[in-house]
């Protein structure tokens, strides 16, 4: 069963409360998404560490309901 974009956003925000999350369904099938996540939580962390935080929020769904996620992370612009 495909995953809803709103559910992805909710899971990310549950683990990273200050996150600004933008989700795009890449294929229109509910299985392939692109996410942009902006959070102060990422400040001082490497790109790998930032992605790990997001993937941790989605760990139960990745490979199951959520097949693929292209991810971009950053800190808020000053």
N, C-alpha and C. Protein backbone atom coordinates (compact mmCIF):
# COMPACT_ATOMS: atom_id res chain seq x y z
N UNK A 1 0.85 -1.18 0.00
CA UNK A 1 0.00 0.00 0.00
C UNK A 1 0.90 1.25 0.00
N UNK A 2 0.66 2.17 -0.91
CA UNK A 2 1.46 3.41 -0.98
C UNK A 2 1.30 4.27 0.26
N UNK A 3 2.28 5.12 0.46
CA UNK A 3 2.27 6.02 1.61
C UNK A 3 1.85 7.41 1.17
N UNK A 4 1.07 8.08 1.98
CA UNK A 4 0.59 9.42 1.70
C UNK A 4 1.67 10.45 2.04
N UNK A 5 1.81 11.48 1.22
CA UNK A 5 2.80 12.54 1.45
C UNK A 5 2.58 13.22 2.80
N UNK A 6 1.35 13.38 3.21
CA UNK A 6 1.07 13.99 4.52
C UNK A 6 1.59 13.14 5.67
N UNK A 7 1.55 11.82 5.49
CA UNK A 7 2.08 10.92 6.53
C UNK A 7 3.59 11.04 6.63
N UNK A 8 4.26 11.18 5.50
CA UNK A 8 5.71 11.36 5.50
C UNK A 8 6.06 12.64 6.25
N UNK A 9 5.37 13.72 5.91
CA UNK A 9 5.62 15.00 6.58
C UNK A 9 5.36 14.90 8.08
N UNK A 10 4.29 14.26 8.48
CA UNK A 10 3.95 14.11 9.88
C UNK A 10 5.03 13.33 10.64
N UNK A 11 5.52 12.25 10.05
CA UNK A 11 6.55 11.45 10.71
C UNK A 11 7.84 12.25 10.89
N UNK A 12 8.21 12.99 9.85
CA UNK A 12 9.43 13.80 9.95
C UNK A 12 9.27 14.86 11.03
N UNK A 13 8.14 15.54 11.04
CA UNK A 13 7.91 16.61 12.02
C UNK A 13 7.77 16.06 13.45
N UNK A 14 7.35 14.83 13.60
CA UNK A 14 7.28 14.21 14.92
C UNK A 14 8.68 14.07 15.50
N UNK A 15 9.65 13.72 14.65
CA UNK A 15 11.03 13.52 15.10
C UNK A 15 11.87 14.79 15.04
N UNK A 16 11.49 15.71 14.16
CA UNK A 16 12.22 16.98 14.00
C UNK A 16 11.16 18.09 14.03
N UNK A 17 10.73 18.48 15.22
CA UNK A 17 9.57 19.38 15.36
C UNK A 17 9.67 20.72 14.64
N UNK A 18 10.88 21.28 14.50
CA UNK A 18 10.99 22.59 13.86
C UNK A 18 11.16 22.49 12.34
N UNK A 19 11.07 21.29 11.80
CA UNK A 19 11.31 21.08 10.37
C UNK A 19 10.25 21.74 9.49
N UNK A 20 10.72 22.32 8.41
CA UNK A 20 9.85 22.77 7.33
C UNK A 20 10.03 21.72 6.24
N UNK A 21 8.96 21.03 5.91
CA UNK A 21 9.04 19.87 5.03
C UNK A 21 8.22 20.12 3.77
N UNK A 22 8.84 19.85 2.63
CA UNK A 22 8.15 19.91 1.34
C UNK A 22 8.28 18.54 0.68
N UNK A 23 7.16 17.95 0.30
CA UNK A 23 7.15 16.61 -0.29
C UNK A 23 6.58 16.68 -1.70
N UNK A 24 7.23 15.98 -2.63
CA UNK A 24 6.73 15.88 -4.01
C UNK A 24 6.65 14.40 -4.39
N UNK A 25 5.53 13.99 -4.94
CA UNK A 25 5.36 12.62 -5.44
C UNK A 25 5.98 12.59 -6.84
N UNK A 26 7.09 11.90 -6.99
CA UNK A 26 7.85 11.94 -8.24
C UNK A 26 7.20 11.18 -9.38
N UNK A 27 6.52 10.09 -9.07
CA UNK A 27 5.98 9.24 -10.14
C UNK A 27 4.46 9.17 -10.14
N UNK A 28 3.82 9.82 -9.16
CA UNK A 28 2.37 9.79 -9.09
C UNK A 28 1.83 8.46 -8.58
N UNK A 29 2.72 7.63 -8.02
CA UNK A 29 2.30 6.31 -7.58
C UNK A 29 2.28 6.13 -6.06
N UNK A 30 2.66 7.20 -5.32
CA UNK A 30 2.67 7.11 -3.87
C UNK A 30 3.82 6.29 -3.31
N UNK A 31 4.76 5.91 -4.16
CA UNK A 31 5.90 5.10 -3.72
C UNK A 31 7.24 5.82 -3.87
N UNK A 32 7.30 6.83 -4.72
CA UNK A 32 8.55 7.51 -5.03
C UNK A 32 8.39 9.01 -4.76
N UNK A 33 9.07 9.47 -3.71
CA UNK A 33 8.94 10.86 -3.29
C UNK A 33 10.28 11.58 -3.26
N UNK A 34 10.20 12.90 -3.34
CA UNK A 34 11.34 13.77 -3.06
C UNK A 34 10.92 14.63 -1.88
N UNK A 35 11.84 14.80 -0.94
CA UNK A 35 11.55 15.61 0.25
C UNK A 35 12.66 16.62 0.45
N UNK A 36 12.25 17.84 0.76
CA UNK A 36 13.18 18.88 1.19
C UNK A 36 12.86 19.17 2.64
N UNK A 37 13.88 19.07 3.50
CA UNK A 37 13.68 19.27 4.93
C UNK A 37 14.65 20.33 5.40
N UNK A 38 14.11 21.41 5.97
CA UNK A 38 14.92 22.51 6.49
C UNK A 38 14.70 22.57 8.00
N UNK A 39 15.80 22.54 8.75
CA UNK A 39 15.68 22.53 10.21
C UNK A 39 16.93 23.10 10.87
N UNK A 40 16.72 23.84 11.93
CA UNK A 40 17.83 24.33 12.74
C UNK A 40 18.57 23.16 13.39
N UNK A 41 17.87 22.07 13.60
CA UNK A 41 18.46 20.86 14.19
C UNK A 41 19.67 20.38 13.39
N UNK A 42 19.71 20.69 12.10
CA UNK A 42 20.79 20.23 11.24
C UNK A 42 22.07 21.06 11.38
N UNK A 43 21.98 22.22 12.00
CA UNK A 43 23.15 23.10 12.10
C UNK A 43 24.31 22.38 12.78
N UNK A 44 25.48 22.44 12.15
CA UNK A 44 26.69 21.82 12.69
C UNK A 44 26.81 20.33 12.38
N UNK A 45 25.82 19.78 11.70
CA UNK A 45 25.86 18.36 11.35
C UNK A 45 26.23 18.20 9.88
N UNK A 46 26.92 17.12 9.58
CA UNK A 46 27.26 16.82 8.19
C UNK A 46 25.99 16.46 7.41
N UNK A 47 26.08 16.48 6.11
CA UNK A 47 24.93 16.11 5.27
C UNK A 47 24.49 14.68 5.59
N UNK A 48 25.45 13.79 5.80
CA UNK A 48 25.12 12.41 6.15
C UNK A 48 24.35 12.34 7.47
N UNK A 49 24.80 13.08 8.46
CA UNK A 49 24.10 13.11 9.75
C UNK A 49 22.70 13.69 9.62
N UNK A 50 22.55 14.72 8.80
CA UNK A 50 21.23 15.30 8.56
C UNK A 50 20.29 14.26 7.95
N UNK A 51 20.77 13.55 6.94
CA UNK A 51 19.96 12.54 6.27
C UNK A 51 19.63 11.40 7.23
N UNK A 52 20.58 11.03 8.08
CA UNK A 52 20.33 9.97 9.05
C UNK A 52 19.18 10.34 9.99
N UNK A 53 19.12 11.60 10.40
CA UNK A 53 18.02 12.05 11.27
C UNK A 53 16.67 11.88 10.58
N UNK A 54 16.61 12.24 9.31
CA UNK A 54 15.34 12.10 8.57
C UNK A 54 15.01 10.63 8.36
N UNK A 55 16.00 9.83 7.95
CA UNK A 55 15.74 8.41 7.73
C UNK A 55 15.34 7.70 9.02
N UNK A 56 15.86 8.14 10.16
CA UNK A 56 15.47 7.57 11.43
C UNK A 56 13.97 7.81 11.69
N UNK A 57 13.49 8.97 11.30
CA UNK A 57 12.07 9.29 11.47
C UNK A 57 11.18 8.39 10.62
N UNK A 58 11.74 7.89 9.51
CA UNK A 58 10.95 7.10 8.56
C UNK A 58 11.33 5.63 8.54
N UNK A 59 12.14 5.19 9.49
CA UNK A 59 12.73 3.85 9.44
C UNK A 59 11.72 2.72 9.32
N UNK A 60 10.56 2.87 9.93
CA UNK A 60 9.55 1.81 9.87
C UNK A 60 8.93 1.68 8.48
N UNK A 61 8.90 2.78 7.73
CA UNK A 61 8.22 2.79 6.45
C UNK A 61 9.15 2.57 5.25
N UNK A 62 10.43 2.92 5.40
CA UNK A 62 11.36 2.79 4.29
C UNK A 62 11.49 1.32 3.87
N UNK A 63 11.37 1.09 2.58
CA UNK A 63 11.46 -0.27 2.06
C UNK A 63 10.14 -1.01 2.12
N UNK A 64 9.16 -0.44 2.80
CA UNK A 64 7.83 -1.03 2.89
C UNK A 64 6.85 -0.15 2.16
N UNK A 65 6.08 0.62 2.94
CA UNK A 65 5.10 1.55 2.35
C UNK A 65 5.79 2.63 1.53
N UNK A 66 6.96 3.04 1.97
CA UNK A 66 7.72 4.08 1.27
C UNK A 66 8.87 3.41 0.55
N UNK A 67 8.77 3.37 -0.78
CA UNK A 67 9.76 2.64 -1.57
C UNK A 67 11.03 3.45 -1.81
N UNK A 68 10.88 4.72 -2.16
CA UNK A 68 12.05 5.53 -2.50
C UNK A 68 11.84 6.97 -2.06
N UNK A 69 12.92 7.58 -1.54
CA UNK A 69 12.87 8.97 -1.10
C UNK A 69 14.16 9.67 -1.50
N UNK A 70 14.03 10.65 -2.39
CA UNK A 70 15.15 11.54 -2.73
C UNK A 70 15.12 12.65 -1.70
N UNK A 71 16.24 12.90 -1.04
CA UNK A 71 16.24 13.78 0.12
C UNK A 71 17.23 14.92 -0.03
N UNK A 72 16.76 16.13 0.29
CA UNK A 72 17.61 17.31 0.39
C UNK A 72 17.37 17.91 1.77
N UNK A 73 18.46 18.21 2.47
CA UNK A 73 18.35 18.80 3.79
C UNK A 73 19.20 20.05 3.87
N UNK A 74 18.79 20.98 4.75
CA UNK A 74 19.56 22.20 4.95
C UNK A 74 19.12 22.88 6.24
N UNK A 75 19.89 23.87 6.64
CA UNK A 75 19.52 24.71 7.79
C UNK A 75 18.81 25.94 7.23
N UNK A 76 18.03 26.62 8.07
CA UNK A 76 17.33 27.82 7.60
C UNK A 76 18.33 28.91 7.18
N UNK A 77 17.97 29.65 6.17
CA UNK A 77 18.79 30.78 5.72
C UNK A 77 18.73 31.87 6.78
N UNK A 78 19.86 32.53 6.97
CA UNK A 78 19.93 33.60 8.00
C UNK A 78 19.21 34.84 7.55
